[in-house]
Amino acid sequence: MPETPTVTRTLTLDSREEAVILFGPRDQFLRTVRDSLGVRVVARGDTLQVDGTDETVAQAERVFQQLRTVLRKSGKLTTEDVRSVLEVVRGGDVRGGPTSMAVADGGKYMRPRTDGQGRYVQALKSHDLCICVGPAGTGKTYLAVGWAVSLLRSGQVKKIVLVRPAVEAGERLGFLPGDLIAKINPYLRPLFDALNDIMEPETVRRYMESDIIEILPLAYMRGRTLNAACIILDEGQNATAAQMKMFLTRMGHGSKIVVTGDMTQVDLPRTIRSGLADAVQRLKNIEGISVIYLDDADIVRNPLVQKIVAAYDDDGDRRARKPIGG
């Protein structure tokens, strides 16, 4: 039987400092990747040489790229980060694997379409509170709703609560026609859309009538404690710090909380700090809480969306670099 040819690829890192963190204490992270994928890894300064088969070397490249993404966003790497990324890369496309979700009767599964989404789904499965930050089109809300439906279908929770801040994006609630429910409906519409895409609309209607599913503005959460529920706060960047604290403390026994948001789309007044940014800073090192960052590579909408996001990001970067008075 012919031997499988060995492939060699060299990865160049941004700096020696990045390499030290990426390799882990006493090269612990490198050894974990090597042993898990069956590749040979040689570290020299700020470069990595990976030897193995086509498949294992490609997996190793994906693992290191995802770990570099995590490092850039959070400034550190943990053993859990390495293990999570490895599981996503090795088994993310397997039905019933670590990142797939059964979301409907008849065996319908939802699977992440990028490695970043895979890390997100795994974080949802392994933590009671998950915060996901990323640009438009990365599936933050859709995957969270899919996860909630999966929990409901399997009997792990008895209720789904979907919440959004009713914050104007350049418009005024008072100018919208109808009563209060009609006025807030446009703010909650994306949550209805996600639910109706995942479940049969008739099932959604029946669950809402029986209070198994609730969709409501953030302000309506005050004073409640929810047990055995999956509670999702969408557009969390538009909650104030006080509102975010109020929301997070609604968690009762057997409940899961997911917060999603995009820090480039804050509609709060400039003088008010986003509750999402505040929560990420306060909670990022608490055990049992996962903070996941998605980026442009995880955008799964029309390919043009990725280019649009990049164009606006470039504009923001240029403004940030512009000298005062320039």
C-alpha atoms as a PDB file:
ATOM      1  CA  MET A   1       0.000   0.000   0.000  1.00  0.00           C
ATOM      2  CA  PRO A   2       1.590   3.341  -1.047  1.00  0.00           C
ATOM      3  CA  GLU A   3       2.512   5.785   1.701  1.00  0.00           C
ATOM      4  CA  THR A   4       0.467   8.950   2.073  1.00  0.00           C
ATOM      5  CA  PRO A   5       2.611  11.852   0.846  1.00  0.00           C
ATOM      6  CA  THR A   6       3.729  14.365   3.464  1.00  0.00           C
ATOM      7  CA  VAL A   7       2.806  18.003   2.968  1.00  0.00           C
ATOM      8  CA  THR A   8       4.801  20.836   4.569  1.00  0.00           C
ATOM      9  CA  ARG A   9       3.523  24.363   5.090  1.00  0.00           C
ATOM     10  CA  THR A  10       5.037  27.298   6.933  1.00  0.00           C
ATOM     11  CA  LEU A  11       2.896  29.842   8.789  1.00  0.00           C
ATOM     12  CA  THR A  12       4.347  33.275   9.554  1.00  0.00           C
ATOM     13  CA  LEU A  13       2.951  35.035  12.633  1.00  0.00           C
ATOM     14  CA  ASP A  14       2.711  38.780  13.236  1.00  0.00           C
ATOM     15  CA  SER A  15       5.290  38.933  16.007  1.00  0.00           C
ATOM     16  CA  ARG A  16       7.331  36.977  18.516  1.00  0.00           C
ATOM     17  CA  GLU A  17       4.869  38.104  21.214  1.00  0.00           C
ATOM     18  CA  GLU A  18       1.940  36.591  19.294  1.00  0.00           C
ATOM     19  CA  ALA A  19       3.908  33.369  18.872  1.00  0.00           C
ATOM     20  CA  VAL A  20       4.605  33.056  22.605  1.00  0.00           C
ATOM     21  CA  ILE A  21       0.888  33.296  23.463  1.00  0.00           C
ATOM     22  CA  LEU A  22      -0.187  31.102  20.549  1.00  0.00           C
ATOM     23  CA  PHE A  23       2.248  28.344  21.449  1.00  0.00           C
ATOM     24  CA  GLY A  24       1.069  28.325  25.078  1.00  0.00           C
ATOM     25  CA  PRO A  25       2.962  27.836  28.347  1.00  0.00           C
ATOM     26  CA  ARG A  26       5.939  25.572  27.583  1.00  0.00           C
ATOM     27  CA  ASP A  27       4.434  25.016  24.104  1.00  0.00           C
ATOM     28  CA  GLN A  28       1.402  23.296  25.658  1.00  0.00           C
ATOM     29  CA  PHE A  29      -1.017  24.518  22.963  1.00  0.00           C
ATOM     30  CA  LEU A  30       1.289  23.375  20.162  1.00  0.00           C
ATOM     31  CA  ARG A  31       1.510  19.899  21.667  1.00  0.00           C
ATOM     32  CA  THR A  32      -2.284  19.731  21.989  1.00  0.00           C
ATOM     33  CA  VAL A  33      -2.742  20.603  18.300  1.00  0.00           C
ATOM     34  CA  ARG A  34       0.002  18.184  17.278  1.00  0.00           C
ATOM     35  CA  ASP A  35      -1.392  15.250  19.242  1.00  0.00           C
ATOM     36  CA  SER A  36      -5.024  15.915  18.269  1.00  0.00           C
ATOM     37  CA  LEU A  37      -4.417  16.202  14.527  1.00  0.00           C
ATOM     38  CA  GLY A  38      -1.447  13.874  14.168  1.00  0.00           C
ATOM     39  CA  VAL A  39       0.784  16.490  12.574  1.00  0.00           C
ATOM     40  CA  ARG A  40       4.399  17.466  13.191  1.00  0.00           C
ATOM     41  CA  VAL A  41       4.776  21.057  14.363  1.00  0.00           C
ATOM     42  CA  VAL A  42       8.105  22.886  14.550  1.00  0.00           C
ATOM     43  CA  ALA A  43       8.212  26.397  16.050  1.00  0.00           C
ATOM     44  CA  ARG A  44      11.041  28.759  15.177  1.00  0.00           C
ATOM     45  CA  GLY A  45      10.716  32.328  16.417  1.00  0.00           C
ATOM     46  CA  ASP A  46       7.607  33.780  14.763  1.00  0.00           C
ATOM     47  CA  THR A  47       7.141  30.940  12.269  1.00  0.00           C
ATOM     48  CA  LEU A  48       5.443  27.550  12.409  1.00  0.00           C
ATOM     49  CA  GLN A  49       6.244  24.609  10.179  1.00  0.00           C
ATOM     50  CA  VAL A  50       3.470  22.004   9.942  1.00  0.00           C
ATOM     51  CA  ASP A  51       4.033  18.559   8.364  1.00  0.00           C
ATOM     52  CA  GLY A  52       1.335  15.982   7.690  1.00  0.00           C
ATOM     53  CA  THR A  53      -1.193  14.874   5.126  1.00  0.00           C
ATOM     54  CA  ASP A  54      -3.111  17.357   2.978  1.00  0.00           C
ATOM     55  CA  GLU A  55      -6.142  17.034   5.256  1.00  0.00           C
ATOM     56  CA  THR A  56      -4.366  17.268   8.614  1.00  0.00           C
ATOM     57  CA  VAL A  57      -2.175  20.198   7.553  1.00  0.00           C
ATOM     58  CA  ALA A  58      -5.250  22.056   6.255  1.00  0.00           C
ATOM     59  CA  GLN A  59      -6.984  21.394   9.592  1.00  0.00           C
ATOM     60  CA  ALA A  60      -3.949  22.653  11.484  1.00  0.00           C
ATOM     61  CA  GLU A  61      -3.946  25.860   9.433  1.00  0.00           C
ATOM     62  CA  ARG A  62      -7.626  26.396  10.254  1.00  0.00           C
ATOM     63  CA  VAL A  63      -6.960  25.772  13.941  1.00  0.00           C
ATOM     64  CA  PHE A  64      -4.103  28.265  14.133  1.00  0.00           C
ATOM     65  CA  GLN A  65      -6.047  30.863  12.143  1.00  0.00           C
ATOM     66  CA  GLN A  66      -9.016  30.559  14.523  1.00  0.00           C
ATOM     67  CA  LEU A  67      -6.749  30.750  17.560  1.00  0.00           C
ATOM     68  CA  ARG A  68      -5.132  33.896  16.162  1.00  0.00           C
ATOM     69  CA  THR A  69      -8.606  35.389  15.702  1.00  0.00           C
ATOM     70  CA  VAL A  70      -9.508  34.603  19.308  1.00  0.00           C
ATOM     71  CA  LEU A  71      -6.204  36.071  20.484  1.00  0.00           C
ATOM     72  CA  ARG A  72      -6.671  39.301  18.512  1.00  0.00           C
ATOM     73  CA  LYS A  73     -10.160  39.819  19.951  1.00  0.00           C
ATOM     74  CA  SER A  74      -9.686  38.805  23.589  1.00  0.00           C
ATOM     75  CA  GLY A  75      -5.946  39.361  24.080  1.00  0.00           C
ATOM     76  CA  LYS A  76      -5.387  35.891  25.534  1.00  0.00           C
ATOM     77  CA  LEU A  77      -5.788  32.162  24.890  1.00  0.00           C
ATOM     78  CA  THR A  78      -6.927  29.424  27.249  1.00  0.00           C
ATOM     79  CA  THR A  79      -6.813  25.641  27.148  1.00  0.00           C
ATOM     80  CA  GLU A  80     -10.594  25.743  26.648  1.00  0.00           C
ATOM     81  CA  ASP A  81     -10.148  27.962  23.570  1.00  0.00           C
ATOM     82  CA  VAL A  82      -7.723  25.453  22.039  1.00  0.00           C
ATOM     83  CA  ARG A  83      -9.943  22.477  22.807  1.00  0.00           C
ATOM     84  CA  SER A  84     -13.035  24.246  21.454  1.00  0.00           C
ATOM     85  CA  VAL A  85     -11.365  25.253  18.178  1.00  0.00           C
ATOM     86  CA  LEU A  86      -9.981  21.749  17.671  1.00  0.00           C
ATOM     87  CA  GLU A  87     -13.400  20.154  18.170  1.00  0.00           C
ATOM     88  CA  VAL A  88     -14.980  22.597  15.723  1.00  0.00           C
ATOM     89  CA  VAL A  89     -12.363  22.000  13.023  1.00  0.00           C
ATOM     90  CA  ARG A  90     -12.372  18.222  13.441  1.00  0.00           C
ATOM     91  CA  GLY A  91     -16.111  17.604  13.838  1.00  0.00           C
ATOM     92  CA  GLY A  92     -18.059  20.729  12.971  1.00  0.00           C
ATOM     93  CA  ASP A  93     -19.574  19.319   9.787  1.00  0.00           C
ATOM     94  CA  VAL A  94     -20.690  16.000  11.275  1.00  0.00           C
ATOM     95  CA  ARG A  95     -24.416  15.543  11.787  1.00  0.00           C
ATOM     96  CA  GLY A  96     -25.001  15.233  15.495  1.00  0.00           C
ATOM     97  CA  GLY A  97     -21.430  16.422  16.090  1.00  0.00           C
ATOM     98  CA  PRO A  98     -20.296  19.038  18.620  1.00  0.00           C
ATOM     99  CA  THR A  99     -21.593  21.999  16.615  1.00  0.00           C
ATOM    100  CA  SER A 100     -24.790  20.685  15.014  1.00  0.00           C
ATOM    101  CA  MET A 101     -28.271  21.281  16.447  1.00  0.00           C
ATOM    102  CA  ALA A 102     -31.533  19.401  15.961  1.00  0.00           C
ATOM    103  CA  VAL A 103     -34.013  22.234  15.494  1.00  0.00           C
ATOM    104  CA  ALA A 104     -37.126  20.518  14.167  1.00  0.00           C
ATOM    105  CA  ASP A 105     -39.036  17.267  14.121  1.00  0.00           C
ATOM    106  CA  GLY A 106     -38.101  14.846  11.371  1.00  0.00           C
ATOM    107  CA  GLY A 107     -34.349  15.096  11.869  1.00  0.00           C
ATOM    108  CA  LYS A 108     -33.746  18.631  10.576  1.00  0.00           C
ATOM    109  CA  TYR A 109     -30.307  19.821  11.718  1.00  0.00           C
ATOM    110  CA  MET A 110     -28.765  23.284  11.771  1.00  0.00           C
ATOM    111  CA  ARG A 111     -25.025  23.403  11.198  1.00  0.00           C
ATOM    112  CA  PRO A 112     -22.599  26.331  11.413  1.00  0.00           C
ATOM    113  CA  ARG A 113     -21.100  27.383   8.110  1.00  0.00           C
ATOM    114  CA  THR A 114     -17.817  28.860   9.359  1.00  0.00           C
ATOM    115  CA  ASP A 115     -15.274  27.937  12.026  1.00  0.00           C
ATOM    116  CA  GLY A 116     -16.242  31.048  13.983  1.00  0.00           C
ATOM    117  CA  GLN A 117     -19.885  30.003  13.981  1.00  0.00           C
ATOM    118  CA  GLY A 118     -18.759  26.551  15.099  1.00  0.00           C
ATOM    119  CA  ARG A 119     -17.007  28.065  18.129  1.00  0.00           C
ATOM    120  CA  TYR A 120     -20.157  30.055  18.852  1.00  0.00           C
ATOM    121  CA  VAL A 121     -22.439  26.997  18.765  1.00  0.00           C
ATOM    122  CA  GLN A 122     -20.064  25.035  20.965  1.00  0.00           C
ATOM    123  CA  ALA A 123     -19.989  27.922  23.455  1.00  0.00           C
ATOM    124  CA  LEU A 124     -23.805  27.900  23.486  1.00  0.00           C
ATOM    125  CA  LYS A 125     -23.758  24.194  24.289  1.00  0.00           C
ATOM    126  CA  SER A 126     -21.173  24.405  27.056  1.00  0.00           C
ATOM    127  CA  HIS A 127     -22.071  27.639  28.905  1.00  0.00           C
ATOM    128  CA  ASP A 128     -25.160  28.938  30.691  1.00  0.00           C
ATOM    129  CA  LEU A 129     -24.412  32.508  29.593  1.00  0.00           C
ATOM    130  CA  CYS A 130     -22.941  33.287  26.183  1.00  0.00           C
ATOM    131  CA  ILE A 131     -22.195  36.714  24.699  1.00  0.00           C
ATOM    132  CA  CYS A 132     -21.597  36.906  20.948  1.00  0.00           C
ATOM    133  CA  VAL A 133     -20.180  40.056  19.334  1.00  0.00           C
ATOM    134  CA  GLY A 134     -19.883  40.411  15.569  1.00  0.00           C
ATOM    135  CA  PRO A 135     -20.914  42.342  12.455  1.00  0.00           C
ATOM    136  CA  ALA A 136     -24.148  42.027  10.500  1.00  0.00           C
ATOM    137  CA  GLY A 137     -24.722  38.771   8.670  1.00  0.00           C
ATOM    138  CA  THR A 138     -22.614  36.493  10.881  1.00  0.00           C
ATOM    139  CA  GLY A 139     -25.605  34.494  12.129  1.00  0.00           C
ATOM    140  CA  LYS A 140     -25.469  35.708  15.746  1.00  0.00           C
ATOM    141  CA  THR A 141     -29.234  35.883  16.201  1.00  0.00           C
ATOM    142  CA  TYR A 142     -30.171  33.042  13.859  1.00  0.00           C
ATOM    143  CA  LEU A 143     -27.917  30.504  15.575  1.00  0.00           C
ATOM    144  CA  ALA A 144     -29.019  31.649  19.030  1.00  0.00           C
ATOM    145  CA  VAL A 145     -32.686  31.202  18.091  1.00  0.00           C
ATOM    146  CA  GLY A 146     -31.876  27.815  16.554  1.00  0.00           C
ATOM    147  CA  TRP A 147     -30.161  26.796  19.791  1.00  0.00           C
ATOM    148  CA  ALA A 148     -33.184  27.929  21.819  1.00  0.00           C
ATOM    149  CA  VAL A 149     -35.538  25.890  19.607  1.00  0.00           C
ATOM    150  CA  SER A 150     -33.218  22.881  19.979  1.00  0.00           C
ATOM    151  CA  LEU A 151     -33.382  23.181  23.773  1.00  0.00           C
ATOM    152  CA  LEU A 152     -37.174  23.481  23.678  1.00  0.00           C
ATOM    153  CA  ARG A 153     -37.565  20.480  21.353  1.00  0.00           C
ATOM    154  CA  SER A 154     -35.376  18.306  23.590  1.00  0.00           C
ATOM    155  CA  GLY A 155     -37.184  19.347  26.767  1.00  0.00           C
ATOM    156  CA  GLN A 156     -34.155  21.046  28.313  1.00  0.00           C
ATOM    157  CA  VAL A 157     -36.125  24.284  28.668  1.00  0.00           C
ATOM    158  CA  LYS A 158     -39.858  24.952  28.861  1.00  0.00           C
ATOM    159  CA  LYS A 159     -39.876  28.450  27.428  1.00  0.00           C
ATOM    160  CA  ILE A 160     -38.135  30.731  24.934  1.00  0.00           C
ATOM    161  CA  VAL A 161     -37.965  34.471  25.596  1.00  0.00           C
ATOM    162  CA  LEU A 162     -36.642  36.714  22.802  1.00  0.00           C
ATOM    163  CA  VAL A 163     -35.865  40.303  23.760  1.00  0.00           C
ATOM    164  CA  ARG A 164     -34.749  43.453  21.968  1.00  0.00           C
ATOM    165  CA  PRO A 165     -34.183  47.046  23.110  1.00  0.00           C
ATOM    166  CA  ALA A 166     -36.714  49.380  21.463  1.00  0.00           C
ATOM    167  CA  VAL A 167     -34.115  52.021  20.585  1.00  0.00           C
ATOM    168  CA  GLU A 168     -34.670  54.369  17.662  1.00  0.00           C
ATOM    169  CA  ALA A 169     -32.136  54.237  14.846  1.00  0.00           C
ATOM    170  CA  GLY A 170     -32.718  57.802  13.638  1.00  0.00           C
ATOM    171  CA  GLU A 171     -36.514  57.455  13.871  1.00  0.00           C
ATOM    172  CA  ARG A 172     -39.081  58.096  16.600  1.00  0.00           C
ATOM    173  CA  LEU A 173     -41.504  55.589  18.087  1.00  0.00           C
ATOM    174  CA  GLY A 174     -44.093  58.305  18.528  1.00  0.00           C
ATOM    175  CA  PHE A 175     -44.380  58.883  14.794  1.00  0.00           C
ATOM    176  CA  LEU A 176     -45.227  55.246  14.070  1.00  0.00           C
ATOM    177  CA  PRO A 177     -48.965  54.496  13.696  1.00  0.00           C
ATOM    178  CA  GLY A 178     -51.008  52.339  16.088  1.00  0.00           C
ATOM    179  CA  ASP A 179     -50.927  51.429  19.769  1.00  0.00           C
ATOM    180  CA  LEU A 180     -47.797  50.481  21.756  1.00  0.00           C
ATOM    181  CA  ILE A 181     -47.731  46.892  20.450  1.00  0.00           C
ATOM    182  CA  ALA A 182     -47.942  48.134  16.862  1.00  0.00           C
ATOM    183  CA  LYS A 183     -45.205  50.690  17.529  1.00  0.00           C
ATOM    184  CA  ILE A 184     -42.695  48.180  18.921  1.00  0.00           C
ATOM    185  CA  ASN A 185     -43.462  45.470  16.359  1.00  0.00           C
ATOM    186  CA  PRO A 186     -40.869  46.774  13.804  1.00  0.00           C
ATOM    187  CA  TYR A 187     -38.138  46.433  16.446  1.00  0.00           C
ATOM    188  CA  LEU A 188     -39.085  42.824  17.165  1.00  0.00           C
ATOM    189  CA  ARG A 189     -39.659  41.788  13.547  1.00  0.00           C
ATOM    190  CA  PRO A 190     -36.176  40.252  13.006  1.00  0.00           C
ATOM    191  CA  LEU A 191     -36.845  37.848  15.873  1.00  0.00           C
ATOM    192  CA  PHE A 192     -40.164  36.787  14.323  1.00  0.00           C
ATOM    193  CA  ASP A 193     -38.390  36.287  10.992  1.00  0.00           C
ATOM    194  CA  ALA A 194     -35.730  34.027  12.524  1.00  0.00           C
ATOM    195  CA  LEU A 195     -38.313  31.950  14.379  1.00  0.00           C
ATOM    196  CA  ASN A 196     -40.554  31.540  11.330  1.00  0.00           C
ATOM    197  CA  ASP A 197     -37.572  30.453   9.249  1.00  0.00           C
ATOM    198  CA  ILE A 198     -36.601  27.742  11.743  1.00  0.00           C
ATOM    199  CA  MET A 199     -40.082  26.556  12.773  1.00  0.00           C
ATOM    200  CA  GLU A 200     -43.419  26.275  11.017  1.00  0.00           C
ATOM    201  CA  PRO A 201     -45.253  29.623  11.325  1.00  0.00           C
ATOM    202  CA  GLU A 202     -48.326  27.830  12.648  1.00  0.00           C
ATOM    203  CA  THR A 203     -46.215  26.233  15.398  1.00  0.00           C
ATOM    204  CA  VAL A 204     -44.731  29.623  16.270  1.00  0.00           C
ATOM    205  CA  ARG A 205     -48.228  31.131  16.528  1.00  0.00           C
ATOM    206  CA  ARG A 206     -49.465  28.282  18.725  1.00  0.00           C
ATOM    207  CA  TYR A 207     -46.440  28.511  21.031  1.00  0.00           C
ATOM    208  CA  MET A 208     -46.860  32.265  21.368  1.00  0.00           C
ATOM    209  CA  GLU A 209     -50.556  31.924  22.206  1.00  0.00           C
ATOM    210  CA  SER A 210     -49.693  29.409  24.937  1.00  0.00           C
ATOM    211  CA  ASP A 211     -46.811  31.590  26.250  1.00  0.00           C
ATOM    212  CA  ILE A 212     -44.159  28.982  25.419  1.00  0.00           C
ATOM    213  CA  ILE A 213     -42.515  31.630  23.226  1.00  0.00           C
ATOM    214  CA  GLU A 214     -42.436  35.302  24.169  1.00  0.00           C
ATOM    215  CA  ILE A 215     -41.061  38.143  22.048  1.00  0.00           C
ATOM    216  CA  LEU A 216     -40.937  41.458  23.864  1.00  0.00           C
ATOM    217  CA  PRO A 217     -39.034  44.730  24.390  1.00  0.00           C
ATOM    218  CA  LEU A 218     -36.219  44.791  26.930  1.00  0.00           C
ATOM    219  CA  ALA A 219     -38.098  47.144  29.286  1.00  0.00           C
ATOM    220  CA  TYR A 220     -40.768  44.465  29.797  1.00  0.00           C
ATOM    221  CA  MET A 221     -38.220  42.167  31.493  1.00  0.00           C
ATOM    222  CA  ARG A 222     -37.973  44.198  34.694  1.00  0.00           C
ATOM    223  CA  GLY A 223     -39.101  42.379  37.816  1.00  0.00           C
ATOM    224  CA  ARG A 224     -39.213  38.915  36.252  1.00  0.00           C
ATOM    225  CA  THR A 225     -37.300  35.744  37.110  1.00  0.00           C
ATOM    226  CA  LEU A 226     -37.364  33.035  34.454  1.00  0.00           C
ATOM    227  CA  ASN A 227     -36.732  29.390  35.310  1.00  0.00           C
ATOM    228  CA  ALA A 228     -36.109  26.617  32.752  1.00  0.00           C
ATOM    229  CA  ALA A 229     -36.014  29.175  29.932  1.00  0.00           C
ATOM    230  CA  CYS A 230     -33.703  30.134  27.085  1.00  0.00           C
ATOM    231  CA  ILE A 231     -33.557  33.938  27.096  1.00  0.00           C
ATOM    232  CA  ILE A 232     -31.999  35.797  24.158  1.00  0.00           C
ATOM    233  CA  LEU A 233     -31.175  39.505  24.089  1.00  0.00           C
ATOM    234  CA  ASP A 234     -30.660  40.620  20.502  1.00  0.00           C
ATOM    235  CA  GLU A 235     -29.022  43.962  19.564  1.00  0.00           C
ATOM    236  CA  GLY A 236     -27.449  44.049  23.019  1.00  0.00           C
ATOM    237  CA  GLN A 237     -25.257  47.005  22.015  1.00  0.00           C
ATOM    238  CA  ASN A 238     -28.366  49.196  22.338  1.00  0.00           C
ATOM    239  CA  ALA A 239     -28.970  48.310  25.990  1.00  0.00           C
ATOM    240  CA  THR A 240     -27.541  50.610  28.650  1.00  0.00           C
ATOM    241  CA  ALA A 241     -25.294  49.182  31.368  1.00  0.00           C
ATOM    242  CA  ALA A 242     -28.189  49.343  33.857  1.00  0.00           C
ATOM    243  CA  GLN A 243     -30.533  47.579  31.430  1.00  0.00           C
ATOM    244  CA  MET A 244     -27.936  44.893  30.742  1.00  0.00           C
ATOM    245  CA  LYS A 245     -27.512  44.212  34.455  1.00  0.00           C
ATOM    246  CA  MET A 246     -31.288  44.034  34.828  1.00  0.00           C
ATOM    247  CA  PHE A 247     -31.555  41.577  31.924  1.00  0.00           C
ATOM    248  CA  LEU A 248     -28.718  39.280  33.001  1.00  0.00           C
ATOM    249  CA  THR A 249     -30.142  38.978  36.511  1.00  0.00           C
ATOM    250  CA  ARG A 250     -33.441  37.589  35.158  1.00  0.00           C
ATOM    251  CA  MET A 251     -31.792  34.155  34.925  1.00  0.00           C
ATOM    252  CA  GLY A 252     -33.484  31.568  37.121  1.00  0.00           C
ATOM    253  CA  HIS A 253     -32.809  27.894  37.786  1.00  0.00           C
ATOM    254  CA  GLY A 254     -32.179  25.779  34.702  1.00  0.00           C
ATOM    255  CA  SER A 255     -32.087  28.789  32.368  1.00  0.00           C
ATOM    256  CA  LYS A 256     -29.709  29.801  29.592  1.00  0.00           C
ATOM    257  CA  ILE A 257     -28.985  33.367  28.479  1.00  0.00           C
ATOM    258  CA  VAL A 258     -27.571  34.516  25.132  1.00  0.00           C
ATOM    259  CA  VAL A 259     -26.665  38.130  24.343  1.00  0.00           C
ATOM    260  CA  THR A 260     -25.836  39.144  20.774  1.00  0.00           C
ATOM    261  CA  GLY A 261     -24.745  42.475  19.376  1.00  0.00           C
ATOM    262  CA  ASP A 262     -22.634  44.516  16.978  1.00  0.00           C
ATOM    263  CA  MET A 263     -20.488  47.257  18.501  1.00  0.00           C
ATOM    264  CA  THR A 264     -20.388  49.113  15.165  1.00  0.00           C
ATOM    265  CA  GLN A 265     -24.163  49.685  15.262  1.00  0.00           C
ATOM    266  CA  VAL A 266     -24.765  51.430  18.582  1.00  0.00           C
ATOM    267  CA  ASP A 267     -27.858  53.683  18.430  1.00  0.00           C
ATOM    268  CA  LEU A 268     -27.585  55.008  21.997  1.00  0.00           C
ATOM    269  CA  PRO A 269     -26.722  58.680  22.597  1.00  0.00           C
ATOM    270  CA  ARG A 270     -22.956  59.241  22.473  1.00  0.00           C
ATOM    271  CA  THR A 271     -22.847  60.071  26.187  1.00  0.00           C
ATOM    272  CA  ILE A 272     -24.264  56.658  27.195  1.00  0.00           C
ATOM    273  CA  ARG A 273     -21.948  53.631  27.341  1.00  0.00           C
ATOM    274  CA  SER A 274     -23.228  50.518  25.613  1.00  0.00           C
ATOM    275  CA  GLY A 275     -24.286  47.797  28.037  1.00  0.00           C
ATOM    276  CA  LEU A 276     -22.787  45.202  25.706  1.00  0.00           C
ATOM    277  CA  ALA A 277     -19.307  46.742  25.852  1.00  0.00           C
ATOM    278  CA  ASP A 278     -19.663  47.118  29.611  1.00  0.00           C
ATOM    279  CA  ALA A 279     -20.760  43.489  30.077  1.00  0.00           C
ATOM    280  CA  VAL A 280     -17.941  42.081  27.939  1.00  0.00           C
ATOM    281  CA  GLN A 281     -15.398  43.985  30.021  1.00  0.00           C
ATOM    282  CA  ARG A 282     -16.930  43.002  33.372  1.00  0.00           C
ATOM    283  CA  LEU A 283     -17.779  39.367  32.682  1.00  0.00           C
ATOM    284  CA  LYS A 284     -15.098  38.097  30.300  1.00  0.00           C
ATOM    285  CA  ASN A 285     -13.060  36.315  32.989  1.00  0.00           C
ATOM    286  CA  ILE A 286     -15.951  34.749  34.930  1.00  0.00           C
ATOM    287  CA  GLU A 287     -16.114  30.960  34.752  1.00  0.00           C
ATOM    288  CA  GLY A 288     -19.317  29.725  33.146  1.00  0.00           C
ATOM    289  CA  ILE A 289     -19.599  32.773  30.877  1.00  0.00           C
ATOM    290  CA  SER A 290     -18.302  32.663  27.295  1.00  0.00           C
ATOM    291  CA  VAL A 291     -17.564  35.700  25.128  1.00  0.00           C
ATOM    292  CA  ILE A 292     -17.353  34.827  21.425  1.00  0.00           C
ATOM    293  CA  TYR A 293     -16.219  37.203  18.681  1.00  0.00           C
ATOM    294  CA  LEU A 294     -17.209  36.741  15.048  1.00  0.00           C
ATOM    295  CA  ASP A 295     -15.722  38.779  12.198  1.00  0.00           C
ATOM    296  CA  ASP A 296     -16.071  39.459   8.474  1.00  0.00           C
ATOM    297  CA  ALA A 297     -14.958  35.909   7.627  1.00  0.00           C
ATOM    298  CA  ASP A 298     -18.103  34.587   9.352  1.00  0.00           C
ATOM    299  CA  ILE A 299     -20.581  36.601   7.260  1.00  0.00           C
ATOM    300  CA  VAL A 300     -22.925  34.150   5.545  1.00  0.00           C
ATOM    301  CA  ARG A 301     -25.388  36.495   3.858  1.00  0.00           C
ATOM    302  CA  ASN A 302     -25.084  37.610   0.240  1.00  0.00           C
ATOM    303  CA  PRO A 303     -21.321  37.889  -0.519  1.00  0.00           C
ATOM    304  CA  LEU A 304     -21.792  41.620  -1.084  1.00  0.00           C
ATOM    305  CA  VAL A 305     -22.535  42.054   2.640  1.00  0.00           C
ATOM    306  CA  GLN A 306     -18.954  41.070   3.482  1.00  0.00           C
ATOM    307  CA  LYS A 307     -17.625  43.723   1.109  1.00  0.00           C
ATOM    308  CA  ILE A 308     -20.025  46.359   2.458  1.00  0.00           C
ATOM    309  CA  VAL A 309     -18.990  45.670   6.063  1.00  0.00           C
ATOM    310  CA  ALA A 310     -15.304  45.830   5.088  1.00  0.00           C
ATOM    311  CA  ALA A 311     -15.820  49.149   3.276  1.00  0.00           C
ATOM    312  CA  TYR A 312     -17.432  50.733   6.322  1.00  0.00           C
ATOM    313  CA  ASP A 313     -14.790  49.255   8.638  1.00  0.00           C
ATOM    314  CA  ASP A 314     -12.060  50.788   6.452  1.00  0.00           C
ATOM    315  CA  ASP A 315     -13.764  54.172   6.676  1.00  0.00           C
ATOM    316  CA  GLY A 316     -13.926  53.899  10.465  1.00  0.00           C
ATOM    317  CA  ASP A 317     -10.251  52.940  10.664  1.00  0.00           C
ATOM    318  CA  ARG A 318      -9.243  55.966   8.572  1.00  0.00           C
ATOM    319  CA  ARG A 319     -11.219  58.302  10.835  1.00  0.00           C
ATOM    320  CA  ALA A 320      -9.666  56.739  13.945  1.00  0.00           C
ATOM    321  CA  ARG A 321      -6.177  57.386  12.521  1.00  0.00           C
ATOM    322  CA  LYS A 322      -6.934  60.993  11.494  1.00  0.00           C
ATOM    323  CA  PRO A 323      -5.027  63.480  13.699  1.00  0.00           C
ATOM    324  CA  ILE A 324      -7.016  65.856  15.882  1.00  0.00           C
ATOM    325  CA  GLY A 325      -7.575  69.030  13.934  1.00  0.00           C
ATOM    326  CA  GLY A 326      -6.698  67.270  10.688  1.00  0.00           C
END
